[in-house]
Amino acid sequence: MVVINKTAAQTARLKITLKHLSPAIWRRVLVPHDINLPKLHDVIQIAMGWTNSHLHAFETRTKAKIIPKIKVSPKITIYQIPYEEEDSFGMFGAGPEILDERKYRLDDMMPEAKSKCVYTYDFGDNWEHEIVLEKLEPVEARLTRAEVLDGKNACPPDDCGSVPGYCDLVEILADPKHPEHANMREWMGHEKDETFDPAFHDIAAANKTLKKLKL
């Protein structure tokens, strides 16, 4: 029998889906609901398979109230680590509200089940991930390690040129007769018999790394 601790942070079940690709690349993970956003960024990087080599940001949108004959835009909030202290608007312009993610937690940004946000990694390749808080689960004690429950398909390599570049890469690597095949294998760092399987994701390896990440 599990004794529920009402004061312990609930466990959040998140589904993280890389947008604009088919078949979908996604992971389902467990984290404490009170995890801070920099740590959540670390979890996403490990769970998805990125290399944490670029800037990132979280974005939420609050639905605007409907006012007859008046167009009201949704409120956009950006959570990111400031990289130019003198520029309070970062790279996003003066429209959205910009908050320092180091001061916020998941339960601030996504307070309840079915909440959503967009996590963007690498502002050049602009990898957008939809994150859905699928469920909040009361627990006996706060979760101290994140865990990948399941997922599908391999993460694109960093710096491959966003969605179009990744689609080209998969096609080139699958065709030994393609004129760029040898160059792309070299760029990927493949050994003689090594191949790239876009359908493969090693959940066990991700969880092994997550065990080292203290939350």
N, C-alpha and C. Protein backbone atom coordinates (compact mmCIF):
# COMPACT_ATOMS: atom_id res chain seq x y z
N MET A 1 0.84 -1.20 0.00
CA MET A 1 0.00 0.00 0.00
C MET A 1 0.88 1.25 0.00
N VAL A 2 0.61 2.17 -0.93
CA VAL A 2 1.37 3.41 -1.02
C VAL A 2 0.70 4.47 -0.15
N VAL A 3 1.46 5.04 0.75
CA VAL A 3 0.95 6.11 1.61
C VAL A 3 1.19 7.44 0.90
N ILE A 4 0.12 8.17 0.63
CA ILE A 4 0.25 9.43 -0.09
C ILE A 4 0.70 10.53 0.86
N ASN A 5 1.73 11.22 0.46
CA ASN A 5 2.24 12.35 1.23
C ASN A 5 1.71 13.63 0.57
N LYS A 6 0.80 14.31 1.24
CA LYS A 6 0.16 15.48 0.65
C LYS A 6 1.09 16.67 0.53
N THR A 7 2.21 16.63 1.23
CA THR A 7 3.15 17.75 1.15
C THR A 7 4.26 17.52 0.12
N ALA A 8 4.41 16.29 -0.34
CA ALA A 8 5.44 16.00 -1.34
C ALA A 8 4.98 16.45 -2.71
N ALA A 9 5.92 16.93 -3.51
CA ALA A 9 5.59 17.35 -4.87
C ALA A 9 5.06 16.16 -5.67
N GLN A 10 3.98 16.39 -6.39
CA GLN A 10 3.43 15.33 -7.22
C GLN A 10 4.39 14.98 -8.36
N THR A 11 4.19 13.80 -8.92
CA THR A 11 4.97 13.39 -10.08
C THR A 11 4.22 13.80 -11.34
N ALA A 12 4.92 14.47 -12.23
CA ALA A 12 4.33 14.92 -13.50
C ALA A 12 4.74 13.97 -14.61
N ARG A 13 3.75 13.50 -15.36
CA ARG A 13 4.03 12.68 -16.54
C ARG A 13 3.93 13.57 -17.76
N LEU A 14 5.06 13.75 -18.44
CA LEU A 14 5.14 14.64 -19.59
C LEU A 14 5.31 13.85 -20.87
N LYS A 15 4.65 14.31 -21.93
CA LYS A 15 4.92 13.78 -23.26
C LYS A 15 5.59 14.88 -24.07
N ILE A 16 6.78 14.60 -24.57
CA ILE A 16 7.60 15.56 -25.31
C ILE A 16 7.66 15.11 -26.76
N THR A 17 7.14 15.92 -27.66
CA THR A 17 7.08 15.54 -29.08
C THR A 17 7.78 16.58 -29.92
N LEU A 18 8.74 16.14 -30.72
CA LEU A 18 9.42 17.04 -31.65
C LEU A 18 8.47 17.37 -32.79
N LYS A 19 8.23 18.64 -33.01
CA LYS A 19 7.21 19.07 -33.97
C LYS A 19 7.73 19.01 -35.41
N HIS A 20 6.78 18.92 -36.34
CA HIS A 20 7.01 19.06 -37.78
C HIS A 20 7.72 17.86 -38.42
N LEU A 21 7.75 16.72 -37.74
CA LEU A 21 8.36 15.53 -38.32
C LEU A 21 7.40 14.35 -38.28
N SER A 22 7.44 13.53 -39.29
CA SER A 22 6.64 12.31 -39.35
C SER A 22 7.49 11.19 -39.94
N PRO A 23 7.55 10.02 -39.28
CA PRO A 23 6.85 9.66 -38.05
C PRO A 23 7.34 10.48 -36.86
N ALA A 24 6.48 10.59 -35.86
CA ALA A 24 6.75 11.47 -34.72
C ALA A 24 7.93 10.95 -33.90
N ILE A 25 8.73 11.89 -33.42
CA ILE A 25 9.81 11.60 -32.48
C ILE A 25 9.35 12.11 -31.12
N TRP A 26 9.18 11.20 -30.16
CA TRP A 26 8.61 11.63 -28.88
C TRP A 26 9.16 10.78 -27.73
N ARG A 27 9.02 11.34 -26.51
CA ARG A 27 9.40 10.66 -25.28
C ARG A 27 8.34 10.94 -24.22
N ARG A 28 8.11 9.96 -23.38
CA ARG A 28 7.22 10.16 -22.21
C ARG A 28 8.10 10.01 -20.97
N VAL A 29 8.10 11.04 -20.12
CA VAL A 29 9.01 11.06 -18.97
C VAL A 29 8.26 11.40 -17.69
N LEU A 30 8.86 10.98 -16.58
CA LEU A 30 8.37 11.34 -15.25
C LEU A 30 9.36 12.28 -14.59
N VAL A 31 8.85 13.37 -14.02
CA VAL A 31 9.67 14.33 -13.28
C VAL A 31 8.84 14.83 -12.10
N PRO A 32 9.49 15.33 -11.04
CA PRO A 32 8.72 15.97 -9.98
C PRO A 32 8.09 17.26 -10.50
N HIS A 33 6.88 17.55 -10.05
CA HIS A 33 6.16 18.72 -10.56
C HIS A 33 6.86 20.02 -10.16
N ASP A 34 7.68 19.96 -9.12
CA ASP A 34 8.36 21.19 -8.68
C ASP A 34 9.80 21.29 -9.22
N ILE A 35 10.13 20.52 -10.25
CA ILE A 35 11.46 20.60 -10.84
C ILE A 35 11.69 22.00 -11.40
N ASN A 36 12.90 22.55 -11.19
CA ASN A 36 13.15 23.89 -11.74
C ASN A 36 13.41 23.77 -13.25
N LEU A 37 13.20 24.86 -13.96
CA LEU A 37 13.23 24.80 -15.43
C LEU A 37 14.62 24.49 -15.99
N PRO A 38 15.73 24.97 -15.41
CA PRO A 38 17.03 24.53 -15.93
C PRO A 38 17.22 23.02 -15.83
N LYS A 39 16.75 22.41 -14.74
CA LYS A 39 16.84 20.95 -14.61
C LYS A 39 15.91 20.25 -15.60
N LEU A 40 14.75 20.83 -15.83
CA LEU A 40 13.84 20.25 -16.82
C LEU A 40 14.50 20.28 -18.19
N HIS A 41 15.18 21.36 -18.50
CA HIS A 41 15.94 21.43 -19.75
C HIS A 41 16.94 20.28 -19.85
N ASP A 42 17.66 20.01 -18.75
CA ASP A 42 18.62 18.91 -18.75
C ASP A 42 17.94 17.57 -19.02
N VAL A 43 16.78 17.37 -18.39
CA VAL A 43 16.03 16.12 -18.58
C VAL A 43 15.62 15.97 -20.04
N ILE A 44 15.12 17.04 -20.63
CA ILE A 44 14.69 16.99 -22.03
C ILE A 44 15.85 16.64 -22.94
N GLN A 45 16.99 17.27 -22.71
CA GLN A 45 18.17 17.01 -23.52
C GLN A 45 18.57 15.53 -23.48
N ILE A 46 18.58 14.96 -22.30
CA ILE A 46 18.97 13.56 -22.14
C ILE A 46 17.91 12.63 -22.70
N ALA A 47 16.66 12.89 -22.38
CA ALA A 47 15.59 12.01 -22.82
C ALA A 47 15.46 11.98 -24.33
N MET A 48 15.58 13.14 -24.97
CA MET A 48 15.45 13.21 -26.42
C MET A 48 16.70 12.69 -27.12
N GLY A 49 17.88 13.03 -26.58
CA GLY A 49 19.12 12.63 -27.21
C GLY A 49 19.91 13.77 -27.80
N TRP A 50 19.63 15.01 -27.40
CA TRP A 50 20.40 16.16 -27.86
C TRP A 50 21.73 16.24 -27.12
N THR A 51 22.60 17.17 -27.53
CA THR A 51 23.93 17.28 -26.93
C THR A 51 24.10 18.52 -26.06
N ASN A 52 23.03 19.28 -25.85
CA ASN A 52 23.08 20.46 -24.98
C ASN A 52 24.15 21.44 -25.44
N SER A 53 24.17 21.72 -26.73
CA SER A 53 25.20 22.57 -27.33
C SER A 53 24.69 23.94 -27.75
N HIS A 54 23.41 24.24 -27.50
CA HIS A 54 22.82 25.47 -28.01
C HIS A 54 21.89 26.09 -26.97
N LEU A 55 21.46 27.30 -27.25
CA LEU A 55 20.50 28.00 -26.39
C LEU A 55 19.12 27.34 -26.50
N HIS A 56 18.28 27.66 -25.52
CA HIS A 56 16.94 27.08 -25.50
C HIS A 56 15.99 28.05 -24.83
N ALA A 57 14.70 27.77 -24.95
CA ALA A 57 13.67 28.58 -24.28
C ALA A 57 12.39 27.77 -24.16
N PHE A 58 11.60 28.09 -23.15
CA PHE A 58 10.25 27.55 -22.99
C PHE A 58 9.26 28.66 -23.32
N GLU A 59 8.13 28.30 -23.91
CA GLU A 59 7.10 29.29 -24.26
C GLU A 59 5.72 28.77 -23.89
N THR A 60 4.95 29.60 -23.23
CA THR A 60 3.55 29.28 -22.96
C THR A 60 2.65 30.35 -23.55
N ARG A 61 1.44 29.95 -23.86
CA ARG A 61 0.45 30.88 -24.40
C ARG A 61 -0.84 30.75 -23.59
N THR A 62 -1.33 31.88 -23.12
CA THR A 62 -2.59 31.91 -22.39
C THR A 62 -3.70 32.33 -23.35
N LYS A 63 -4.75 31.54 -23.43
CA LYS A 63 -5.84 31.86 -24.34
C LYS A 63 -6.46 33.22 -23.98
N ALA A 64 -6.63 34.04 -24.99
CA ALA A 64 -7.22 35.36 -24.77
C ALA A 64 -8.74 35.25 -24.61
N LYS A 65 -9.28 36.12 -23.78
CA LYS A 65 -10.73 36.17 -23.62
C LYS A 65 -11.35 36.74 -24.89
N ILE A 66 -12.48 36.18 -25.25
CA ILE A 66 -13.16 36.64 -26.47
C ILE A 66 -13.95 37.91 -26.16
N ILE A 67 -13.58 38.98 -26.86
CA ILE A 67 -14.29 40.25 -26.71
C ILE A 67 -14.93 40.58 -28.06
N PRO A 68 -16.24 40.75 -28.11
CA PRO A 68 -16.92 41.00 -29.39
C PRO A 68 -16.31 42.16 -30.16
N LYS A 69 -16.04 41.92 -31.47
CA LYS A 69 -15.53 42.92 -32.40
C LYS A 69 -14.11 43.41 -32.09
N ILE A 70 -13.46 42.78 -31.11
CA ILE A 70 -12.09 43.17 -30.77
C ILE A 70 -11.20 41.93 -30.83
N LYS A 71 -10.14 42.02 -31.59
CA LYS A 71 -9.19 40.92 -31.70
C LYS A 71 -8.15 41.04 -30.59
N VAL A 72 -8.14 40.04 -29.70
CA VAL A 72 -7.21 40.04 -28.58
C VAL A 72 -6.23 38.88 -28.76
N SER A 73 -4.95 39.19 -28.79
CA SER A 73 -3.95 38.15 -28.98
C SER A 73 -3.70 37.41 -27.67
N PRO A 74 -3.32 36.13 -27.76
CA PRO A 74 -3.01 35.40 -26.53
C PRO A 74 -1.75 35.96 -25.87
N LYS A 75 -1.66 35.83 -24.57
CA LYS A 75 -0.47 36.28 -23.86
C LYS A 75 0.62 35.23 -24.02
N ILE A 76 1.78 35.67 -24.48
CA ILE A 76 2.91 34.77 -24.69
C ILE A 76 3.95 35.05 -23.60
N THR A 77 4.38 33.98 -22.94
CA THR A 77 5.42 34.11 -21.92
C THR A 77 6.60 33.23 -22.31
N ILE A 78 7.79 33.82 -22.31
CA ILE A 78 9.02 33.12 -22.64
C ILE A 78 9.84 32.95 -21.37
N TYR A 79 10.26 31.73 -21.09
CA TYR A 79 11.18 31.45 -19.98
C TYR A 79 12.52 31.05 -20.59
N GLN A 80 13.57 31.81 -20.27
CA GLN A 80 14.89 31.48 -20.80
C GLN A 80 15.95 32.04 -19.86
N ILE A 81 17.16 31.53 -19.99
CA ILE A 81 18.28 32.08 -19.23
C ILE A 81 18.81 33.29 -19.99
N PRO A 82 18.82 34.47 -19.39
CA PRO A 82 19.31 35.67 -20.10
C PRO A 82 20.74 35.47 -20.56
N TYR A 83 21.00 35.82 -21.79
CA TYR A 83 22.37 35.72 -22.30
C TYR A 83 22.95 37.09 -22.62
N GLU A 84 22.12 38.13 -22.51
CA GLU A 84 22.59 39.51 -22.59
C GLU A 84 21.81 40.31 -21.56
N GLU A 85 22.43 40.56 -20.42
CA GLU A 85 21.71 41.18 -19.31
C GLU A 85 21.13 42.54 -19.69
N GLU A 86 21.82 43.26 -20.59
CA GLU A 86 21.35 44.60 -20.94
C GLU A 86 20.15 44.55 -21.89
N ASP A 87 19.89 43.37 -22.48
CA ASP A 87 18.79 43.23 -23.43
C ASP A 87 17.70 42.39 -22.77
N SER A 88 16.73 43.07 -22.16
CA SER A 88 15.71 42.36 -21.41
C SER A 88 14.75 41.59 -22.29
N PHE A 89 14.79 41.84 -23.60
CA PHE A 89 13.87 41.17 -24.51
C PHE A 89 14.52 40.01 -25.24
N GLY A 90 15.82 39.75 -25.02
CA GLY A 90 16.47 38.64 -25.69
C GLY A 90 16.30 38.74 -27.19
N MET A 91 16.12 37.61 -27.84
CA MET A 91 16.00 37.59 -29.30
C MET A 91 14.55 37.59 -29.75
N PHE A 92 13.61 37.66 -28.81
CA PHE A 92 12.22 37.48 -29.17
C PHE A 92 11.47 38.79 -29.42
N GLY A 93 12.13 39.93 -29.26
CA GLY A 93 11.44 41.19 -29.50
C GLY A 93 10.66 41.64 -28.28
N ALA A 94 9.90 42.74 -28.44
CA ALA A 94 9.24 43.36 -27.30
C ALA A 94 7.86 42.78 -27.01
N GLY A 95 7.38 41.84 -27.82
CA GLY A 95 6.03 41.33 -27.65
C GLY A 95 5.82 40.45 -26.44
N PRO A 96 6.51 39.30 -26.36
CA PRO A 96 6.27 38.38 -25.26
C PRO A 96 6.84 38.90 -23.94
N GLU A 97 6.31 38.36 -22.86
CA GLU A 97 6.91 38.61 -21.55
C GLU A 97 8.10 37.66 -21.39
N ILE A 98 9.27 38.21 -21.06
CA ILE A 98 10.49 37.41 -20.93
C ILE A 98 10.81 37.23 -19.44
N LEU A 99 10.91 35.98 -19.00
CA LEU A 99 11.20 35.67 -17.61
C LEU A 99 12.49 34.84 -17.53
N ASP A 100 13.22 35.03 -16.44
CA ASP A 100 14.44 34.28 -16.20
C ASP A 100 14.06 32.88 -15.72
N GLU A 101 14.32 31.86 -16.54
CA GLU A 101 13.86 30.51 -16.20
C GLU A 101 14.48 29.98 -14.91
N ARG A 102 15.62 30.54 -14.48
CA ARG A 102 16.26 30.07 -13.25
C ARG A 102 15.43 30.36 -12.01
N LYS A 103 14.45 31.24 -12.15
CA LYS A 103 13.61 31.62 -11.02
C LYS A 103 12.26 30.90 -11.01
N TYR A 104 12.06 29.96 -11.95
CA TYR A 104 10.75 29.32 -12.09
C TYR A 104 10.87 27.81 -12.14
N ARG A 105 9.72 27.17 -11.85
CA ARG A 105 9.65 25.71 -11.82
C ARG A 105 8.57 25.24 -12.79
N LEU A 106 8.55 23.94 -12.99
CA LEU A 106 7.53 23.36 -13.87
C LEU A 106 6.12 23.67 -13.37
N ASP A 107 5.91 23.64 -12.05
CA ASP A 107 4.56 23.89 -11.54
C ASP A 107 4.16 25.37 -11.65
N ASP A 108 5.12 26.26 -11.88
CA ASP A 108 4.79 27.65 -12.21
C ASP A 108 4.33 27.75 -13.67
N MET A 109 5.07 27.10 -14.53
CA MET A 109 4.83 27.22 -15.96
C MET A 109 3.65 26.36 -16.43
N MET A 110 3.52 25.16 -15.84
CA MET A 110 2.45 24.22 -16.21
C MET A 110 1.80 23.73 -14.91
N PRO A 111 0.86 24.49 -14.38
CA PRO A 111 0.35 24.22 -13.03
C PRO A 111 -0.59 23.03 -12.90
N GLU A 112 -1.15 22.57 -14.01
CA GLU A 112 -2.16 21.51 -13.90
C GLU A 112 -2.09 20.56 -15.08
N ALA A 113 -2.74 19.40 -14.92
CA ALA A 113 -2.79 18.41 -15.99
C ALA A 113 -3.41 19.02 -17.24
N LYS A 114 -2.91 18.60 -18.39
CA LYS A 114 -3.31 19.07 -19.72
C LYS A 114 -2.68 20.40 -20.10
N SER A 115 -1.87 20.98 -19.20
CA SER A 115 -1.13 22.19 -19.56
C SER A 115 -0.14 21.86 -20.68
N LYS A 116 0.16 22.87 -21.50
CA LYS A 116 1.08 22.68 -22.61
C LYS A 116 2.10 23.81 -22.66
N CYS A 117 3.25 23.50 -23.23
CA CYS A 117 4.22 24.53 -23.54
C CYS A 117 5.02 24.09 -24.76
N VAL A 118 5.80 25.01 -25.31
CA VAL A 118 6.72 24.69 -26.40
C VAL A 118 8.14 24.93 -25.91
N TYR A 119 8.97 23.94 -26.09
CA TYR A 119 10.40 24.03 -25.75
C TYR A 119 11.17 24.11 -27.06
N THR A 120 11.92 25.18 -27.24
CA THR A 120 12.72 25.36 -28.45
C THR A 120 14.19 25.20 -28.13
N TYR A 121 14.85 24.36 -28.90
CA TYR A 121 16.28 24.12 -28.73
C TYR A 121 17.01 24.50 -30.01
N ASP A 122 18.07 25.28 -29.87
CA ASP A 122 18.90 25.74 -30.98
C ASP A 122 18.13 26.75 -31.83
N PHE A 123 18.36 28.03 -31.59
CA PHE A 123 17.62 29.08 -32.29
C PHE A 123 17.99 29.20 -33.76
N GLY A 124 19.02 28.46 -34.18
CA GLY A 124 19.36 28.42 -35.60
C GLY A 124 18.54 27.35 -36.31
N ASP A 125 18.66 26.10 -35.85
CA ASP A 125 17.87 25.01 -36.43
C ASP A 125 16.42 25.06 -35.94
N ASN A 126 16.19 25.69 -34.79
CA ASN A 126 14.83 25.94 -34.29
C ASN A 126 14.03 24.65 -34.10
N TRP A 127 14.57 23.76 -33.28
CA TRP A 127 13.85 22.52 -32.99
C TRP A 127 12.77 22.80 -31.95
N GLU A 128 11.52 22.69 -32.35
CA GLU A 128 10.39 22.96 -31.46
C GLU A 128 9.80 21.65 -30.95
N HIS A 129 9.61 21.59 -29.63
CA HIS A 129 9.03 20.42 -28.99
C HIS A 129 7.74 20.84 -28.30
N GLU A 130 6.68 20.11 -28.53
CA GLU A 130 5.46 20.32 -27.75
C GLU A 130 5.54 19.45 -26.50
N ILE A 131 5.32 20.09 -25.34
CA ILE A 131 5.32 19.35 -24.08
C ILE A 131 3.91 19.41 -23.50
N VAL A 132 3.36 18.25 -23.21
CA VAL A 132 2.03 18.15 -22.61
C VAL A 132 2.17 17.50 -21.24
N LEU A 133 1.62 18.14 -20.22
CA LEU A 133 1.57 17.54 -18.90
C LEU A 133 0.35 16.61 -18.88
N GLU A 134 0.59 15.35 -19.11
CA GLU A 134 -0.52 14.40 -19.28
C GLU A 134 -1.23 14.09 -17.97
N LYS A 135 -0.45 14.01 -16.89
CA LYS A 135 -1.04 13.54 -15.63
C LYS A 135 -0.19 13.98 -14.45
N LEU A 136 -0.85 14.27 -13.32
CA LEU A 136 -0.18 14.52 -12.05
C LEU A 136 -0.55 13.39 -11.09
N GLU A 137 0.47 12.80 -10.48
CA GLU A 137 0.24 11.65 -9.62
C GLU A 137 0.73 11.93 -8.20
N PRO A 138 -0.17 11.84 -7.19
CA PRO A 138 0.28 11.97 -5.80
C PRO A 138 1.27 10.85 -5.47
N VAL A 139 2.24 11.14 -4.62
CA VAL A 139 3.29 10.16 -4.35
C VAL A 139 3.57 10.07 -2.85
N GLU A 140 4.28 8.99 -2.49
CA GLU A 140 4.69 8.81 -1.10
C GLU A 140 5.85 9.74 -0.77
N ALA A 141 6.73 9.92 -1.73
CA ALA A 141 7.88 10.82 -1.55
C ALA A 141 8.21 11.46 -2.88
N ARG A 142 8.80 12.65 -2.82
CA ARG A 142 9.15 13.37 -4.04
C ARG A 142 10.11 12.55 -4.90
N LEU A 143 9.85 12.53 -6.19
CA LEU A 143 10.73 11.85 -7.14
C LEU A 143 12.10 12.52 -7.14
N THR A 144 13.14 11.74 -7.03
CA THR A 144 14.50 12.30 -7.01
C THR A 144 15.26 12.05 -8.30
N ARG A 145 14.73 11.24 -9.20
CA ARG A 145 15.35 10.97 -10.49
C ARG A 145 14.28 10.99 -11.58
N ALA A 146 14.60 11.59 -12.68
CA ALA A 146 13.68 11.56 -13.83
C ALA A 146 13.78 10.19 -14.50
N GLU A 147 12.73 9.83 -15.22
CA GLU A 147 12.71 8.52 -15.89
C GLU A 147 11.98 8.62 -17.22
N VAL A 148 12.57 8.00 -18.25
CA VAL A 148 11.89 7.88 -19.53
C VAL A 148 11.06 6.60 -19.50
N LEU A 149 9.76 6.73 -19.71
CA LEU A 149 8.88 5.56 -19.70
C LEU A 149 8.84 4.87 -21.06
N ASP A 150 8.73 5.65 -22.10
CA ASP A 150 8.73 5.10 -23.45
C ASP A 150 8.99 6.23 -24.45
N GLY A 151 9.03 5.87 -25.72
CA GLY A 151 9.31 6.86 -26.75
C GLY A 151 9.44 6.19 -28.10
N LYS A 152 9.54 6.99 -29.12
CA LYS A 152 9.65 6.48 -30.47
C LYS A 152 10.65 7.29 -31.28
N ASN A 153 11.48 6.61 -32.02
CA ASN A 153 12.35 7.16 -33.07
C ASN A 153 13.54 7.95 -32.52
N ALA A 154 14.57 7.99 -33.35
CA ALA A 154 15.84 8.60 -32.97
C ALA A 154 15.76 10.12 -33.01
N CYS A 155 16.55 10.74 -32.16
CA CYS A 155 16.68 12.19 -32.17
C CYS A 155 17.57 12.60 -33.34
N PRO A 156 17.25 13.68 -34.05
CA PRO A 156 18.15 14.16 -35.10
C PRO A 156 19.49 14.57 -34.51
N PRO A 157 20.57 14.49 -35.29
CA PRO A 157 21.86 15.00 -34.81
C PRO A 157 21.82 16.52 -34.70
N ASP A 158 22.52 17.05 -33.71
CA ASP A 158 22.66 18.50 -33.63
C ASP A 158 23.28 19.04 -34.92
N ASP A 159 22.85 20.25 -35.29
CA ASP A 159 23.44 21.00 -36.41
C ASP A 159 23.26 20.35 -37.77
N CYS A 160 22.20 19.56 -37.92
CA CYS A 160 21.98 18.89 -39.21
C CYS A 160 21.14 19.73 -40.17
N GLY A 161 20.70 20.92 -39.75
CA GLY A 161 19.97 21.78 -40.67
C GLY A 161 18.47 21.77 -40.49
N SER A 162 18.01 21.59 -39.26
CA SER A 162 16.59 21.60 -38.95
C SER A 162 15.85 20.47 -39.66
N VAL A 163 14.52 20.60 -39.76
CA VAL A 163 13.70 19.52 -40.31
C VAL A 163 14.09 19.16 -41.74
N PRO A 164 14.24 20.12 -42.67
CA PRO A 164 14.62 19.74 -44.04
C PRO A 164 15.98 19.06 -44.09
N GLY A 165 16.94 19.57 -43.32
CA GLY A 165 18.27 18.98 -43.31
C GLY A 165 18.26 17.57 -42.77
N TYR A 166 17.46 17.33 -41.73
CA TYR A 166 17.39 15.99 -41.16
C TYR A 166 16.74 15.01 -42.14
N CYS A 167 15.68 15.44 -42.80
CA CYS A 167 15.02 14.57 -43.78
C CYS A 167 15.99 14.21 -44.91
N ASP A 168 16.78 15.18 -45.36
CA ASP A 168 17.79 14.91 -46.39
C ASP A 168 18.85 13.95 -45.86
N LEU A 169 19.26 14.15 -44.62
CA LEU A 169 20.29 13.30 -44.02
C LEU A 169 19.85 11.85 -43.97
N VAL A 170 18.62 11.62 -43.51
CA VAL A 170 18.09 10.25 -43.43
C VAL A 170 18.08 9.60 -44.81
N GLU A 171 17.63 10.37 -45.81
CA GLU A 171 17.57 9.84 -47.17
C GLU A 171 18.97 9.51 -47.70
N ILE A 172 19.92 10.38 -47.46
CA ILE A 172 21.29 10.18 -47.97
C ILE A 172 21.95 8.98 -47.30
N LEU A 173 21.79 8.87 -45.97
CA LEU A 173 22.43 7.77 -45.26
C LEU A 173 21.83 6.42 -45.62
N ALA A 174 20.58 6.42 -46.07
CA ALA A 174 19.92 5.16 -46.45
C ALA A 174 20.28 4.71 -47.86
N ASP A 175 20.97 5.56 -48.61
CA ASP A 175 21.27 5.26 -50.01
C ASP A 175 22.79 5.28 -50.24
N PRO A 176 23.44 4.12 -50.22
CA PRO A 176 24.90 4.06 -50.43
C PRO A 176 25.35 4.64 -51.76
N LYS A 177 24.45 4.72 -52.73
CA LYS A 177 24.81 5.23 -54.05
C LYS A 177 24.66 6.75 -54.17
N HIS A 178 24.12 7.36 -53.12
CA HIS A 178 23.95 8.82 -53.16
C HIS A 178 25.32 9.49 -53.19
N PRO A 179 25.49 10.54 -54.01
CA PRO A 179 26.81 11.19 -54.12
C PRO A 179 27.32 11.80 -52.82
N GLU A 180 26.41 12.12 -51.88
CA GLU A 180 26.82 12.70 -50.61
C GLU A 180 26.89 11.67 -49.48
N HIS A 181 26.68 10.39 -49.81
CA HIS A 181 26.62 9.35 -48.78
C HIS A 181 27.91 9.29 -47.95
N ALA A 182 29.05 9.23 -48.62
CA ALA A 182 30.33 9.12 -47.90
C ALA A 182 30.59 10.36 -47.05
N ASN A 183 30.26 11.54 -47.59
CA ASN A 183 30.48 12.78 -46.84
C ASN A 183 29.62 12.83 -45.58
N MET A 184 28.36 12.39 -45.70
CA MET A 184 27.47 12.42 -44.55
C MET A 184 27.87 11.38 -43.50
N ARG A 185 28.36 10.24 -43.94
CA ARG A 185 28.86 9.24 -42.99
C ARG A 185 30.06 9.81 -42.22
N GLU A 186 30.92 10.50 -42.93
CA GLU A 186 32.07 11.10 -42.27
C GLU A 186 31.62 12.19 -41.30
N TRP A 187 30.65 13.01 -41.70
CA TRP A 187 30.13 14.06 -40.82
C TRP A 187 29.52 13.46 -39.56
N MET A 188 28.85 12.32 -39.70
CA MET A 188 28.23 11.64 -38.55
C MET A 188 29.27 10.94 -37.69
N GLY A 189 30.49 10.76 -38.22
CA GLY A 189 31.53 10.06 -37.47
C GLY A 189 31.34 8.56 -37.47
N HIS A 190 30.71 8.02 -38.50
CA HIS A 190 30.44 6.59 -38.56
C HIS A 190 31.70 5.79 -38.84
N GLU A 191 31.82 4.67 -38.12
CA GLU A 191 32.86 3.70 -38.42
C GLU A 191 32.43 2.88 -39.63
N LYS A 192 33.30 1.97 -40.08
CA LYS A 192 33.09 1.22 -41.32
C LYS A 192 31.72 0.56 -41.40
N ASP A 193 31.34 -0.18 -40.35
CA ASP A 193 30.09 -0.95 -40.39
C ASP A 193 28.95 -0.27 -39.62
N GLU A 194 29.17 0.95 -39.19
CA GLU A 194 28.16 1.66 -38.40
C GLU A 194 27.10 2.26 -39.30
N THR A 195 25.84 2.22 -38.85
CA THR A 195 24.72 2.78 -39.60
C THR A 195 23.88 3.65 -38.69
N PHE A 196 23.03 4.45 -39.30
CA PHE A 196 22.10 5.29 -38.54
C PHE A 196 20.69 4.75 -38.75
N ASP A 197 20.03 4.39 -37.65
CA ASP A 197 18.66 3.88 -37.71
C ASP A 197 17.73 4.96 -37.16
N PRO A 198 16.94 5.64 -38.01
CA PRO A 198 16.06 6.71 -37.52
C PRO A 198 14.93 6.21 -36.63
N ALA A 199 14.73 4.90 -36.57
CA ALA A 199 13.66 4.35 -35.73
C ALA A 199 14.16 3.91 -34.36
N PHE A 200 15.48 4.01 -34.11
CA PHE A 200 16.05 3.47 -32.87
C PHE A 200 16.18 4.54 -31.80
N HIS A 201 15.74 4.19 -30.60
CA HIS A 201 15.96 5.04 -29.43
C HIS A 201 16.26 4.15 -28.24
N ASP A 202 17.37 4.41 -27.56
CA ASP A 202 17.82 3.58 -26.45
C ASP A 202 17.32 4.16 -25.13
N ILE A 203 16.17 3.68 -24.67
CA ILE A 203 15.58 4.17 -23.42
C ILE A 203 16.47 3.83 -22.23
N ALA A 204 17.05 2.63 -22.25
CA ALA A 204 17.90 2.20 -21.13
C ALA A 204 19.10 3.12 -20.98
N ALA A 205 19.70 3.51 -22.10
CA ALA A 205 20.86 4.41 -22.04
C ALA A 205 20.46 5.78 -21.51
N ALA A 206 19.30 6.27 -21.96
CA ALA A 206 18.82 7.57 -21.47
C ALA A 206 18.58 7.53 -19.97
N ASN A 207 17.96 6.46 -19.48
CA ASN A 207 17.69 6.35 -18.05
C ASN A 207 18.97 6.17 -17.24
N LYS A 208 19.95 5.52 -17.80
CA LYS A 208 21.24 5.38 -17.12
C LYS A 208 21.87 6.75 -16.88
N THR A 209 21.76 7.62 -17.89
CA THR A 209 22.32 8.97 -17.74
C THR A 209 21.46 9.80 -16.78
N LEU A 210 20.15 9.63 -16.86
CA LEU A 210 19.26 10.40 -15.98
C LEU A 210 19.47 10.04 -14.51
N LYS A 211 19.91 8.83 -14.22
CA LYS A 211 20.17 8.44 -12.85
C LYS A 211 21.27 9.28 -12.21
N LYS A 212 22.15 9.82 -13.05
CA LYS A 212 23.25 10.65 -12.56
C LYS A 212 22.83 12.11 -12.35
N LEU A 213 21.64 12.46 -12.83
CA LEU A 213 21.17 13.84 -12.74
C LEU A 213 20.34 14.03 -11.49
N LYS A 214 20.87 14.75 -10.54
CA LYS A 214 20.14 15.00 -9.30
C LYS A 214 19.12 16.09 -9.51
N LEU A 215 17.91 15.85 -9.04
CA LEU A 215 16.83 16.82 -9.20
C LEU A 215 16.57 17.57 -7.90
